[in-house]
Amino acid sequence: MCGRAVSGVLYGDNAVSRRPIGDLRGLEIFVCQAGIALENALRQRRLESMSAGDARRATVRHG
């Protein structure tokens, strides 16, 4: 497990052959990296939103 919070869910099955999927280590690494990318994108969006709010407040005070 790569973290404590859940950022998303990946569902996979092998319905066609009904055999176990097998070694999941590579998939686990990919999913952890995807979760990190999602968290970073969310943080970036929050920072941009906060920055835009600061700019609007500065314009109101000095404009």
C-alpha atoms as a PDB file:
ATOM      1  CA  MET A   1       0.000   0.000   0.000  1.00  0.00           C
ATOM      2  CA  CYS A   2       1.384   3.413  -0.910  1.00  0.00           C
ATOM      3  CA  GLY A   3      -0.615   5.695   1.370  1.00  0.00           C
ATOM      4  CA  ARG A   4      -3.429   6.038   3.849  1.00  0.00           C
ATOM      5  CA  ALA A   5      -6.014   7.920   1.802  1.00  0.00           C
ATOM      6  CA  VAL A   6      -7.916   6.490  -1.152  1.00  0.00           C
ATOM      7  CA  SER A   7      -7.708   8.682  -4.273  1.00  0.00           C
ATOM      8  CA  GLY A   8      -9.407   6.297  -6.642  1.00  0.00           C
ATOM      9  CA  VAL A   9     -10.340   2.702  -7.293  1.00  0.00           C
ATOM     10  CA  LEU A  10      -9.164   0.432 -10.082  1.00  0.00           C
ATOM     11  CA  TYR A  11     -11.301  -2.596 -10.819  1.00  0.00           C
ATOM     12  CA  GLY A  12     -10.054  -5.444 -12.957  1.00  0.00           C
ATOM     13  CA  ASP A  13     -11.093  -8.982 -13.586  1.00  0.00           C
ATOM     14  CA  ASN A  14     -10.344 -11.791 -15.953  1.00  0.00           C
ATOM     15  CA  ALA A  15     -13.935 -12.621 -16.873  1.00  0.00           C
ATOM     16  CA  VAL A  16     -13.070 -14.128 -20.258  1.00  0.00           C
ATOM     17  CA  SER A  17     -10.674 -16.820 -19.041  1.00  0.00           C
ATOM     18  CA  ARG A  18     -11.821 -16.879 -15.379  1.00  0.00           C
ATOM     19  CA  ARG A  19      -8.202 -17.432 -14.302  1.00  0.00           C
ATOM     20  CA  PRO A  20      -6.496 -15.432 -11.546  1.00  0.00           C
ATOM     21  CA  ILE A  21      -4.898 -12.252 -12.827  1.00  0.00           C
ATOM     22  CA  GLY A  22      -1.484 -13.148 -11.425  1.00  0.00           C
ATOM     23  CA  ASP A  23       1.355 -10.932 -10.249  1.00  0.00           C
ATOM     24  CA  LEU A  24       0.003  -7.498  -9.386  1.00  0.00           C
ATOM     25  CA  ARG A  25       3.205  -5.748  -8.286  1.00  0.00           C
ATOM     26  CA  GLY A  26       3.551  -3.746 -11.490  1.00  0.00           C
ATOM     27  CA  LEU A  27      -0.089  -2.743 -11.371  1.00  0.00           C
ATOM     28  CA  GLU A  28       0.247  -1.700  -7.722  1.00  0.00           C
ATOM     29  CA  ILE A  29       3.188   0.540  -8.597  1.00  0.00           C
ATOM     30  CA  PHE A  30       1.226   2.099 -11.461  1.00  0.00           C
ATOM     31  CA  VAL A  31      -1.824   2.702  -9.265  1.00  0.00           C
ATOM     32  CA  CYS A  32       0.289   4.315  -6.532  1.00  0.00           C
ATOM     33  CA  GLN A  33       1.909   6.640  -9.073  1.00  0.00           C
ATOM     34  CA  ALA A  34      -1.498   7.514 -10.553  1.00  0.00           C
ATOM     35  CA  GLY A  35      -2.765   8.340  -7.058  1.00  0.00           C
ATOM     36  CA  ILE A  36       0.204  10.609  -6.441  1.00  0.00           C
ATOM     37  CA  ALA A  37      -0.439  12.371  -9.754  1.00  0.00           C
ATOM     38  CA  LEU A  38      -4.117  12.892  -8.851  1.00  0.00           C
ATOM     39  CA  GLU A  39      -3.204  14.305  -5.441  1.00  0.00           C
ATOM     40  CA  ASN A  40      -0.645  16.655  -6.991  1.00  0.00           C
ATOM     41  CA  ALA A  41      -3.176  17.879  -9.569  1.00  0.00           C
ATOM     42  CA  LEU A  42      -5.708  18.554  -6.811  1.00  0.00           C
ATOM     43  CA  ARG A  43      -3.145  20.461  -4.756  1.00  0.00           C
ATOM     44  CA  GLN A  44      -2.132  22.507  -7.811  1.00  0.00           C
ATOM     45  CA  ARG A  45      -5.780  23.386  -8.497  1.00  0.00           C
ATOM     46  CA  ARG A  46      -6.256  24.458  -4.873  1.00  0.00           C
ATOM     47  CA  LEU A  47      -3.130  26.634  -4.978  1.00  0.00           C
ATOM     48  CA  GLU A  48      -4.259  28.284  -8.215  1.00  0.00           C
ATOM     49  CA  SER A  49      -7.686  28.931  -6.725  1.00  0.00           C
ATOM     50  CA  MET A  50      -6.156  30.438  -3.580  1.00  0.00           C
ATOM     51  CA  SER A  51      -3.803  32.585  -5.672  1.00  0.00           C
ATOM     52  CA  ALA A  52      -6.681  33.871  -7.813  1.00  0.00           C
ATOM     53  CA  GLY A  53      -8.615  34.760  -4.641  1.00  0.00           C
ATOM     54  CA  ASP A  54      -5.622  36.653  -3.260  1.00  0.00           C
ATOM     55  CA  ALA A  55      -5.296  38.608  -6.507  1.00  0.00           C
ATOM     56  CA  ARG A  56      -9.006  39.541  -6.443  1.00  0.00           C
ATOM     57  CA  ARG A  57      -8.785  40.700  -2.824  1.00  0.00           C
ATOM     58  CA  ALA A  58      -5.693  42.801  -3.588  1.00  0.00           C
ATOM     59  CA  THR A  59      -7.522  44.480  -6.495  1.00  0.00           C
ATOM     60  CA  VAL A  60     -10.491  45.323  -4.295  1.00  0.00           C
ATOM     61  CA  ARG A  61      -8.252  46.843  -1.587  1.00  0.00           C
ATOM     62  CA  HIS A  62      -6.037  48.847  -3.933  1.00  0.00           C
ATOM     63  CA  GLY A  63      -8.282  49.335  -6.947  1.00  0.00           C
END
